[in-house]
Amino acid sequence: MLLIECPYCGERPELEFVYGGQAHIARPQNAPDLSAQAWSDYLYQRDNTKGIHAERWRHTHGCGRFFNALRDTTTDHFIAIYKVGEAAPAALKTRKVAL
């Protein structure tokens, strides 16, 4: 079983968590003015990265909070975990990371 570290509760089994999609997706400021295609792209188009990927997770069977994680999608290894609103770890920004 995979263990995931919640930044609020500590290390817990993966069964307590739910994947919440790609992290760092900003809502468009001018949403009413977007074309149907641009709005569709915002809603549905996400990176499908092989390697290190910034993701959002939720500790549903614990504190219920969302947090972000950098995870290697080829090995399922969590490289870094950080709270929502915090920037991705500086040491990892030099790598090719989908943010």
PDB file of N, CA and C in Angstrom:
ATOM      1  N   MET A   1       0.840  -1.178   0.000  1.00  0.00           N
ATOM      2  CA  MET A   1       0.000   0.000   0.000  1.00  0.00           C
ATOM      3  C   MET A   1       0.882   1.238   0.000  1.00  0.00           C
ATOM      4  N   LEU A   2       0.480   2.217  -0.772  1.00  0.00           N
ATOM      5  CA  LEU A   2       1.184   3.482  -0.875  1.00  0.00           C
ATOM      6  C   LEU A   2       0.853   4.349   0.334  1.00  0.00           C
ATOM      7  N   LEU A   3       1.859   4.984   0.900  1.00  0.00           N
ATOM      8  CA  LEU A   3       1.655   5.928   2.007  1.00  0.00           C
ATOM      9  C   LEU A   3       1.841   7.341   1.472  1.00  0.00           C
ATOM     10  N   ILE A   4       0.898   8.215   1.792  1.00  0.00           N
ATOM     11  CA  ILE A   4       0.939   9.607   1.353  1.00  0.00           C
ATOM     12  C   ILE A   4       0.995  10.475   2.601  1.00  0.00           C
ATOM     13  N   GLU A   5       1.845  11.490   2.557  1.00  0.00           N
ATOM     14  CA  GLU A   5       1.961  12.372   3.716  1.00  0.00           C
ATOM     15  C   GLU A   5       1.077  13.600   3.536  1.00  0.00           C
ATOM     16  N   CYS A   6       0.064  13.713   4.364  1.00  0.00           N
ATOM     17  CA  CYS A   6      -0.789  14.901   4.388  1.00  0.00           C
ATOM     18  C   CYS A   6      -0.002  15.989   5.123  1.00  0.00           C
ATOM     19  N   PRO A   7       0.074  17.214   4.568  1.00  0.00           N
ATOM     20  CA  PRO A   7       0.828  18.266   5.261  1.00  0.00           C
ATOM     21  C   PRO A   7       0.181  18.703   6.574  1.00  0.00           C
ATOM     22  N   TYR A   8      -1.060  18.280   6.816  1.00  0.00           N
ATOM     23  CA  TYR A   8      -1.773  18.659   8.042  1.00  0.00           C
ATOM     24  C   TYR A   8      -1.821  17.515   9.057  1.00  0.00           C
ATOM     25  N   CYS A   9      -1.902  16.260   8.582  1.00  0.00           N
ATOM     26  CA  CYS A   9      -2.120  15.109   9.469  1.00  0.00           C
ATOM     27  C   CYS A   9      -0.952  14.139   9.539  1.00  0.00           C
ATOM     28  N   GLY A  10      -0.015  14.246   8.617  1.00  0.00           N
ATOM     29  CA  GLY A  10       1.096  13.306   8.585  1.00  0.00           C
ATOM     30  C   GLY A  10       0.848  12.153   7.615  1.00  0.00           C
ATOM     31  N   GLU A  11       1.668  11.138   7.724  1.00  0.00           N
ATOM     32  CA  GLU A  11       1.630  10.006   6.796  1.00  0.00           C
ATOM     33  C   GLU A  11       0.419   9.110   7.035  1.00  0.00           C
ATOM     34  N   ARG A  12      -0.315   8.813   5.952  1.00  0.00           N
ATOM     35  CA  ARG A  12      -1.520   7.993   6.021  1.00  0.00           C
ATOM     36  C   ARG A  12      -1.570   7.068   4.813  1.00  0.00           C
ATOM     37  N   PRO A  13      -2.361   5.987   4.874  1.00  0.00           N
ATOM     38  CA  PRO A  13      -2.493   5.088   3.720  1.00  0.00           C
ATOM     39  C   PRO A  13      -3.252   5.756   2.571  1.00  0.00           C
ATOM     40  N   GLU A  14      -2.934   5.359   1.354  1.00  0.00           N
ATOM     41  CA  GLU A  14      -3.524   5.971   0.165  1.00  0.00           C
ATOM     42  C   GLU A  14      -5.046   5.885   0.119  1.00  0.00           C
ATOM     43  N   LEU A  15      -5.638   4.921   0.793  1.00  0.00           N
ATOM     44  CA  LEU A  15      -7.094   4.761   0.784  1.00  0.00           C
ATOM     45  C   LEU A  15      -7.827   5.948   1.406  1.00  0.00           C
ATOM     46  N   GLU A  16      -7.121   6.768   2.160  1.00  0.00           N
ATOM     47  CA  GLU A  16      -7.728   7.946   2.788  1.00  0.00           C
ATOM     48  C   GLU A  16      -7.758   9.158   1.865  1.00  0.00           C
ATOM     49  N   PHE A  17      -7.169   9.052   0.680  1.00  0.00           N
ATOM     50  CA  PHE A  17      -7.002  10.200  -0.206  1.00  0.00           C
ATOM     51  C   PHE A  17      -7.735  10.021  -1.524  1.00  0.00           C
ATOM     52  N   VAL A  18      -8.055  11.155  -2.147  1.00  0.00           N
ATOM     53  CA  VAL A  18      -8.667  11.172  -3.474  1.00  0.00           C
ATOM     54  C   VAL A  18      -7.873  12.138  -4.346  1.00  0.00           C
ATOM     55  N   TYR A  19      -7.562  11.691  -5.547  1.00  0.00           N
ATOM     56  CA  TYR A  19      -6.864  12.522  -6.520  1.00  0.00           C
ATOM     57  C   TYR A  19      -7.792  13.644  -6.968  1.00  0.00           C
ATOM     58  N   GLY A  20      -7.286  14.871  -7.017  1.00  0.00           N
ATOM     59  CA  GLY A  20      -8.120  16.022  -7.357  1.00  0.00           C
ATOM     60  C   GLY A  20      -7.752  16.695  -8.664  1.00  0.00           C
ATOM     61  N   GLY A  21      -6.919  16.061  -9.477  1.00  0.00           N
ATOM     62  CA  GLY A  21      -6.569  16.640 -10.770  1.00  0.00           C
ATOM     63  C   GLY A  21      -5.257  17.390 -10.745  1.00  0.00           C
ATOM     64  N   GLN A  22      -4.975  18.023 -11.871  1.00  0.00           N
ATOM     65  CA  GLN A  22      -3.742  18.774 -12.025  1.00  0.00           C
ATOM     66  C   GLN A  22      -3.764  20.011 -11.136  1.00  0.00           C
ATOM     67  N   ALA A  23      -2.656  20.296 -10.504  1.00  0.00           N
ATOM     68  CA  ALA A  23      -2.545  21.477  -9.635  1.00  0.00           C
ATOM     69  C   ALA A  23      -2.202  22.719 -10.446  1.00  0.00           C
ATOM     70  N   HIS A  24      -2.419  23.871  -9.846  1.00  0.00           N
ATOM     71  CA  HIS A  24      -2.022  25.171 -10.388  1.00  0.00           C
ATOM     72  C   HIS A  24      -2.763  25.529 -11.676  1.00  0.00           C
ATOM     73  N   ILE A  25      -4.033  25.173 -11.782  1.00  0.00           N
ATOM     74  CA  ILE A  25      -4.862  25.585 -12.915  1.00  0.00           C
ATOM     75  C   ILE A  25      -5.620  26.842 -12.470  1.00  0.00           C
ATOM     76  N   ALA A  26      -5.308  27.957 -13.066  1.00  0.00           N
ATOM     77  CA  ALA A  26      -5.934  29.231 -12.679  1.00  0.00           C
ATOM     78  C   ALA A  26      -7.205  29.466 -13.490  1.00  0.00           C
ATOM     79  N   ARG A  27      -8.261  29.847 -12.802  1.00  0.00           N
ATOM     80  CA  ARG A  27      -9.518  30.176 -13.478  1.00  0.00           C
ATOM     81  C   ARG A  27      -9.319  31.458 -14.290  1.00  0.00           C
ATOM     82  N   PRO A  28      -9.809  31.493 -15.523  1.00  0.00           N
ATOM     83  CA  PRO A  28      -9.655  32.708 -16.340  1.00  0.00           C
ATOM     84  C   PRO A  28     -10.354  33.907 -15.692  1.00  0.00           C
ATOM     85  N   GLN A  29      -9.723  35.063 -15.754  1.00  0.00           N
ATOM     86  CA  GLN A  29     -10.284  36.282 -15.172  1.00  0.00           C
ATOM     87  C   GLN A  29     -11.492  36.788 -15.954  1.00  0.00           C
ATOM     88  N   ASN A  30     -11.491  36.574 -17.250  1.00  0.00           N
ATOM     89  CA  ASN A  30     -12.556  37.089 -18.113  1.00  0.00           C
ATOM     90  C   ASN A  30     -13.461  35.957 -18.608  1.00  0.00           C
ATOM     91  N   ALA A  31     -13.902  35.109 -17.712  1.00  0.00           N
ATOM     92  CA  ALA A  31     -14.684  33.928 -18.095  1.00  0.00           C
ATOM     93  C   ALA A  31     -15.887  34.241 -18.982  1.00  0.00           C
ATOM     94  N   PRO A  32     -16.680  35.276 -18.728  1.00  0.00           N
ATOM     95  CA  PRO A  32     -17.832  35.543 -19.601  1.00  0.00           C
ATOM     96  C   PRO A  32     -17.442  35.903 -21.035  1.00  0.00           C
ATOM     97  N   ASP A  33     -16.236  36.401 -21.227  1.00  0.00           N
ATOM     98  CA  ASP A  33     -15.791  36.825 -22.555  1.00  0.00           C
ATOM     99  C   ASP A  33     -15.093  35.724 -23.348  1.00  0.00           C
ATOM    100  N   LEU A  34     -14.872  34.566 -22.733  1.00  0.00           N
ATOM    101  CA  LEU A  34     -14.166  33.483 -23.416  1.00  0.00           C
ATOM    102  C   LEU A  34     -15.040  32.853 -24.492  1.00  0.00           C
ATOM    103  N   SER A  35     -14.386  32.375 -25.534  1.00  0.00           N
ATOM    104  CA  SER A  35     -15.100  31.618 -26.559  1.00  0.00           C
ATOM    105  C   SER A  35     -15.447  30.248 -25.983  1.00  0.00           C
ATOM    106  N   ALA A  36     -16.351  29.557 -26.629  1.00  0.00           N
ATOM    107  CA  ALA A  36     -16.735  28.213 -26.184  1.00  0.00           C
ATOM    108  C   ALA A  36     -15.525  27.280 -26.193  1.00  0.00           C
ATOM    109  N   GLN A  37     -14.668  27.428 -27.192  1.00  0.00           N
ATOM    110  CA  GLN A  37     -13.479  26.573 -27.286  1.00  0.00           C
ATOM    111  C   GLN A  37     -12.500  26.875 -26.153  1.00  0.00           C
ATOM    112  N   ALA A  38     -12.293  28.145 -25.851  1.00  0.00           N
ATOM    113  CA  ALA A  38     -11.374  28.511 -24.772  1.00  0.00           C
ATOM    114  C   ALA A  38     -11.900  28.033 -23.423  1.00  0.00           C
ATOM    115  N   TRP A  39     -13.207  28.140 -23.199  1.00  0.00           N
ATOM    116  CA  TRP A  39     -13.794  27.675 -21.949  1.00  0.00           C
ATOM    117  C   TRP A  39     -13.688  26.153 -21.845  1.00  0.00           C
ATOM    118  N   SER A  40     -13.941  25.474 -22.937  1.00  0.00           N
ATOM    119  CA  SER A  40     -13.812  24.016 -22.973  1.00  0.00           C
ATOM    120  C   SER A  40     -12.374  23.591 -22.673  1.00  0.00           C
ATOM    121  N   ASP A  41     -11.412  24.306 -23.253  1.00  0.00           N
ATOM    122  CA  ASP A  41      -9.999  23.998 -22.981  1.00  0.00           C
ATOM    123  C   ASP A  41      -9.675  24.168 -21.507  1.00  0.00           C
ATOM    124  N   TYR A  42     -10.183  25.240 -20.883  1.00  0.00           N
ATOM    125  CA  TYR A  42      -9.949  25.465 -19.457  1.00  0.00           C
ATOM    126  C   TYR A  42     -10.542  24.330 -18.626  1.00  0.00           C
ATOM    127  N   LEU A  43     -11.739  23.902 -18.964  1.00  0.00           N
ATOM    128  CA  LEU A  43     -12.415  22.869 -18.178  1.00  0.00           C
ATOM    129  C   LEU A  43     -11.823  21.479 -18.356  1.00  0.00           C
ATOM    130  N   TYR A  44     -11.422  21.134 -19.563  1.00  0.00           N
ATOM    131  CA  TYR A  44     -11.117  19.732 -19.861  1.00  0.00           C
ATOM    132  C   TYR A  44      -9.682  19.426 -20.271  1.00  0.00           C
ATOM    133  N   GLN A  45      -8.930  20.379 -20.747  1.00  0.00           N
ATOM    134  CA  GLN A  45      -7.585  20.088 -21.229  1.00  0.00           C
ATOM    135  C   GLN A  45      -6.584  20.126 -20.076  1.00  0.00           C
ATOM    136  N   ARG A  46      -5.944  19.010 -19.843  1.00  0.00           N
ATOM    137  CA  ARG A  46      -4.935  18.906 -18.793  1.00  0.00           C
ATOM    138  C   ARG A  46      -3.687  18.233 -19.360  1.00  0.00           C
ATOM    139  N   ASP A  47      -2.563  18.483 -18.713  1.00  0.00           N
ATOM    140  CA  ASP A  47      -1.323  17.832 -19.114  1.00  0.00           C
ATOM    141  C   ASP A  47      -1.392  16.352 -18.768  1.00  0.00           C
ATOM    142  N   ASN A  48      -0.812  15.542 -19.604  1.00  0.00           N
ATOM    143  CA  ASN A  48      -0.701  14.108 -19.349  1.00  0.00           C
ATOM    144  C   ASN A  48       0.788  13.787 -19.320  1.00  0.00           C
ATOM    145  N   THR A  49       1.419  14.222 -18.261  1.00  0.00           N
ATOM    146  CA  THR A  49       2.867  14.193 -18.147  1.00  0.00           C
ATOM    147  C   THR A  49       3.392  12.816 -17.751  1.00  0.00           C
ATOM    148  N   LYS A  50       4.414  12.386 -18.453  1.00  0.00           N
ATOM    149  CA  LYS A  50       5.151  11.202 -18.031  1.00  0.00           C
ATOM    150  C   LYS A  50       6.363  11.734 -17.289  1.00  0.00           C
ATOM    151  N   GLY A  51       6.408  11.476 -15.999  1.00  0.00           N
ATOM    152  CA  GLY A  51       7.482  12.019 -15.169  1.00  0.00           C
ATOM    153  C   GLY A  51       6.895  12.823 -14.026  1.00  0.00           C
ATOM    154  N   ILE A  52       7.562  13.893 -13.655  1.00  0.00           N
ATOM    155  CA  ILE A  52       7.140  14.689 -12.501  1.00  0.00           C
ATOM    156  C   ILE A  52       5.964  15.578 -12.886  1.00  0.00           C
ATOM    157  N   HIS A  53       4.917  15.512 -12.077  1.00  0.00           N
ATOM    158  CA  HIS A  53       3.666  16.202 -12.379  1.00  0.00           C
ATOM    159  C   HIS A  53       3.125  16.841 -11.097  1.00  0.00           C
ATOM    160  N   ALA A  54       2.667  18.081 -11.185  1.00  0.00           N
ATOM    161  CA  ALA A  54       2.066  18.776 -10.038  1.00  0.00           C
ATOM    162  C   ALA A  54       0.588  18.398  -9.963  1.00  0.00           C
ATOM    163  N   GLU A  55       0.171  17.865  -8.823  1.00  0.00           N
ATOM    164  CA  GLU A  55      -1.189  17.353  -8.662  1.00  0.00           C
ATOM    165  C   GLU A  55      -1.840  17.918  -7.408  1.00  0.00           C
ATOM    166  N   ARG A  56      -3.153  17.883  -7.406  1.00  0.00           N
ATOM    167  CA  ARG A  56      -3.936  18.268  -6.234  1.00  0.00           C
ATOM    168  C   ARG A  56      -4.530  16.988  -5.647  1.00  0.00           C
ATOM    169  N   TRP A  57      -4.473  16.875  -4.332  1.00  0.00           N
ATOM    170  CA  TRP A  57      -5.026  15.715  -3.617  1.00  0.00           C
ATOM    171  C   TRP A  57      -5.905  16.211  -2.478  1.00  0.00           C
ATOM    172  N   ARG A  58      -6.832  15.358  -2.032  1.00  0.00           N
ATOM    173  CA  ARG A  58      -7.685  15.696  -0.894  1.00  0.00           C
ATOM    174  C   ARG A  58      -7.652  14.553   0.109  1.00  0.00           C
ATOM    175  N   HIS A  59      -7.465  14.889   1.366  1.00  0.00           N
ATOM    176  CA  HIS A  59      -7.455  13.897   2.440  1.00  0.00           C
ATOM    177  C   HIS A  59      -8.903  13.704   2.910  1.00  0.00           C
ATOM    178  N   THR A  60      -9.669  12.953   2.134  1.00  0.00           N
ATOM    179  CA  THR A  60     -11.111  12.833   2.372  1.00  0.00           C
ATOM    180  C   THR A  60     -11.461  12.111   3.666  1.00  0.00           C
ATOM    181  N   HIS A  61     -10.700  11.093   4.041  1.00  0.00           N
ATOM    182  CA  HIS A  61     -10.993  10.327   5.260  1.00  0.00           C
ATOM    183  C   HIS A  61     -10.086  10.751   6.411  1.00  0.00           C
ATOM    184  N   GLY A  62      -9.762  12.026   6.420  1.00  0.00           N
ATOM    185  CA  GLY A  62      -8.937  12.604   7.478  1.00  0.00           C
ATOM    186  C   GLY A  62      -9.407  14.020   7.715  1.00  0.00           C
ATOM    187  N   CYS A  63      -8.535  14.975   7.468  1.00  0.00           N
ATOM    188  CA  CYS A  63      -8.865  16.378   7.734  1.00  0.00           C
ATOM    189  C   CYS A  63      -9.779  16.989   6.670  1.00  0.00           C
ATOM    190  N   GLY A  64      -9.890  16.346   5.508  1.00  0.00           N
ATOM    191  CA  GLY A  64     -10.754  16.848   4.450  1.00  0.00           C
ATOM    192  C   GLY A  64     -10.144  17.964   3.617  1.00  0.00           C
ATOM    193  N   ARG A  65      -8.908  18.332   3.880  1.00  0.00           N
ATOM    194  CA  ARG A  65      -8.267  19.449   3.190  1.00  0.00           C
ATOM    195  C   ARG A  65      -7.597  19.023   1.891  1.00  0.00           C
ATOM    196  N   PHE A  66      -7.495  19.994   0.983  1.00  0.00           N
ATOM    197  CA  PHE A  66      -6.745  19.802  -0.252  1.00  0.00           C
ATOM    198  C   PHE A  66      -5.287  20.169  -0.016  1.00  0.00           C
ATOM    199  N   PHE A  67      -4.396  19.540  -0.775  1.00  0.00           N
ATOM    200  CA  PHE A  67      -2.983  19.904  -0.785  1.00  0.00           C
ATOM    201  C   PHE A  67      -2.420  19.557  -2.150  1.00  0.00           C
ATOM    202  N   ASN A  68      -1.240  20.067  -2.438  1.00  0.00           N
ATOM    203  CA  ASN A  68      -0.580  19.802  -3.711  1.00  0.00           C
ATOM    204  C   ASN A  68       0.585  18.852  -3.503  1.00  0.00           C
ATOM    205  N   ALA A  69       0.917  18.152  -4.568  1.00  0.00           N
ATOM    206  CA  ALA A  69       2.035  17.218  -4.506  1.00  0.00           C
ATOM    207  C   ALA A  69       2.743  17.175  -5.851  1.00  0.00           C
ATOM    208  N   LEU A  70       4.045  16.972  -5.815  1.00  0.00           N
ATOM    209  CA  LEU A  70       4.799  16.657  -7.015  1.00  0.00           C
ATOM    210  C   LEU A  70       5.021  15.154  -6.979  1.00  0.00           C
ATOM    211  N   ARG A  71       4.532  14.470  -8.026  1.00  0.00           N
ATOM    212  CA  ARG A  71       4.603  13.016  -8.065  1.00  0.00           C
ATOM    213  C   ARG A  71       5.186  12.583  -9.391  1.00  0.00           C
ATOM    214  N   ASP A  72       6.057  11.595  -9.344  1.00  0.00           N
ATOM    215  CA  ASP A  72       6.593  10.998 -10.564  1.00  0.00           C
ATOM    216  C   ASP A  72       5.575   9.975 -11.048  1.00  0.00           C
ATOM    217  N   THR A  73       4.949  10.231 -12.183  1.00  0.00           N
ATOM    218  CA  THR A  73       3.881   9.364 -12.672  1.00  0.00           C
ATOM    219  C   THR A  73       4.391   8.022 -13.179  1.00  0.00           C
ATOM    220  N   THR A  74       5.688   7.892 -13.409  1.00  0.00           N
ATOM    221  CA  THR A  74       6.223   6.607 -13.865  1.00  0.00           C
ATOM    222  C   THR A  74       6.482   5.650 -12.712  1.00  0.00           C
ATOM    223  N   THR A  75       6.685   6.185 -11.505  1.00  0.00           N
ATOM    224  CA  THR A  75       6.995   5.324 -10.359  1.00  0.00           C
ATOM    225  C   THR A  75       6.001   5.456  -9.206  1.00  0.00           C
ATOM    226  N   ASP A  76       5.087   6.428  -9.278  1.00  0.00           N
ATOM    227  CA  ASP A  76       4.148   6.766  -8.201  1.00  0.00           C
ATOM    228  C   ASP A  76       4.854   7.289  -6.952  1.00  0.00           C
ATOM    229  N   HIS A  77       6.085   7.714  -7.082  1.00  0.00           N
ATOM    230  CA  HIS A  77       6.850   8.248  -5.957  1.00  0.00           C
ATOM    231  C   HIS A  77       6.485   9.721  -5.751  1.00  0.00           C
ATOM    232  N   PHE A  78       6.083  10.081  -4.532  1.00  0.00           N
ATOM    233  CA  PHE A  78       5.792  11.471  -4.184  1.00  0.00           C
ATOM    234  C   PHE A  78       7.111  12.159  -3.857  1.00  0.00           C
ATOM    235  N   ILE A  79       7.427  13.205  -4.598  1.00  0.00           N
ATOM    236  CA  ILE A  79       8.691  13.910  -4.430  1.00  0.00           C
ATOM    237  C   ILE A  79       8.565  15.026  -3.404  1.00  0.00           C
ATOM    238  N   ALA A  80       7.442  15.734  -3.441  1.00  0.00           N
ATOM    239  CA  ALA A  80       7.221  16.841  -2.497  1.00  0.00           C
ATOM    240  C   ALA A  80       5.730  17.024  -2.276  1.00  0.00           C
ATOM    241  N   ILE A  81       5.389  17.456  -1.069  1.00  0.00           N
ATOM    242  CA  ILE A  81       3.998  17.736  -0.709  1.00  0.00           C
ATOM    243  C   ILE A  81       3.972  19.124  -0.100  1.00  0.00           C
ATOM    244  N   TYR A  82       3.005  19.940  -0.520  1.00  0.00           N
ATOM    245  CA  TYR A  82       2.929  21.299  -0.004  1.00  0.00           C
ATOM    246  C   TYR A  82       1.480  21.768   0.012  1.00  0.00           C
ATOM    247  N   LYS A  83       1.195  22.743   0.847  1.00  0.00           N
ATOM    248  CA  LYS A  83      -0.165  23.232   1.037  1.00  0.00           C
ATOM    249  C   LYS A  83      -0.627  24.041  -0.180  1.00  0.00           C
ATOM    250  N   VAL A  84      -1.931  24.044  -0.404  1.00  0.00           N
ATOM    251  CA  VAL A  84      -2.512  24.852  -1.471  1.00  0.00           C
ATOM    252  C   VAL A  84      -2.209  26.320  -1.189  1.00  0.00           C
ATOM    253  N   GLY A  85      -1.833  27.040  -2.211  1.00  0.00           N
ATOM    254  CA  GLY A  85      -1.464  28.439  -2.050  1.00  0.00           C
ATOM    255  C   GLY A  85       0.032  28.647  -1.951  1.00  0.00           C
ATOM    256  N   GLU A  86       0.761  27.608  -1.599  1.00  0.00           N
ATOM    257  CA  GLU A  86       2.219  27.691  -1.561  1.00  0.00           C
ATOM    258  C   GLU A  86       2.763  27.390  -2.949  1.00  0.00           C
ATOM    259  N   ALA A  87       3.899  27.962  -3.271  1.00  0.00           N
ATOM    260  CA  ALA A  87       4.550  27.694  -4.549  1.00  0.00           C
ATOM    261  C   ALA A  87       5.160  26.295  -4.528  1.00  0.00           C
ATOM    262  N   ALA A  88       5.337  25.747  -5.709  1.00  0.00           N
ATOM    263  CA  ALA A  88       6.021  24.461  -5.808  1.00  0.00           C
ATOM    264  C   ALA A  88       7.430  24.617  -5.238  1.00  0.00           C
ATOM    265  N   PRO A  89       7.969  23.581  -4.629  1.00  0.00           N
ATOM    266  CA  PRO A  89       9.308  23.679  -4.037  1.00  0.00           C
ATOM    267  C   PRO A  89      10.339  24.216  -5.029  1.00  0.00           C
ATOM    268  N   ALA A  90      11.122  25.189  -4.610  1.00  0.00           N
ATOM    269  CA  ALA A  90      12.082  25.884  -5.480  1.00  0.00           C
ATOM    270  C   ALA A  90      13.119  24.936  -6.065  1.00  0.00           C
ATOM    271  N   ALA A  91      13.560  23.960  -5.296  1.00  0.00           N
ATOM    272  CA  ALA A  91      14.587  23.038  -5.781  1.00  0.00           C
ATOM    273  C   ALA A  91      14.099  22.224  -6.968  1.00  0.00           C
ATOM    274  N   LEU A  92      12.793  22.042  -7.090  1.00  0.00           N
ATOM    275  CA  LEU A  92      12.265  21.216  -8.164  1.00  0.00           C
ATOM    276  C   LEU A  92      11.816  22.024  -9.368  1.00  0.00           C
ATOM    277  N   LYS A  93      11.818  23.341  -9.274  1.00  0.00           N
ATOM    278  CA  LYS A  93      11.384  24.155 -10.400  1.00  0.00           C
ATOM    279  C   LYS A  93      12.403  24.108 -11.536  1.00  0.00           C
ATOM    280  N   THR A  94      13.619  23.705 -11.249  1.00  0.00           N
ATOM    281  CA  THR A  94      14.630  23.624 -12.296  1.00  0.00           C
ATOM    282  C   THR A  94      14.396  22.390 -13.167  1.00  0.00           C
ATOM    283  N   ARG A  95      13.703  21.388 -12.664  1.00  0.00           N
ATOM    284  CA  ARG A  95      13.366  20.208 -13.461  1.00  0.00           C
ATOM    285  C   ARG A  95      12.200  20.551 -14.372  1.00  0.00           C
ATOM    286  N   LYS A  96      11.947  19.712 -15.341  1.00  0.00           N
ATOM    287  CA  LYS A  96      10.785  19.909 -16.215  1.00  0.00           C
ATOM    288  C   LYS A  96       9.560  19.398 -15.487  1.00  0.00           C
ATOM    289  N   VAL A  97       8.826  20.310 -14.862  1.00  0.00           N
ATOM    290  CA  VAL A  97       7.650  19.967 -14.082  1.00  0.00           C
ATOM    291  C   VAL A  97       6.439  20.640 -14.698  1.00  0.00           C
ATOM    292  N   ALA A  98       5.370  19.891 -14.877  1.00  0.00           N
ATOM    293  CA  ALA A  98       4.134  20.482 -15.393  1.00  0.00           C
ATOM    294  C   ALA A  98       3.446  21.230 -14.278  1.00  0.00           C
ATOM    295  N   LEU A  99       3.463  22.551 -14.326  1.00  0.00           N
ATOM    296  CA  LEU A  99       2.798  23.387 -13.317  1.00  0.00           C
ATOM    297  C   LEU A  99       1.583  24.038 -13.893  1.00  0.00           C
TER     298      LEU A  99
END
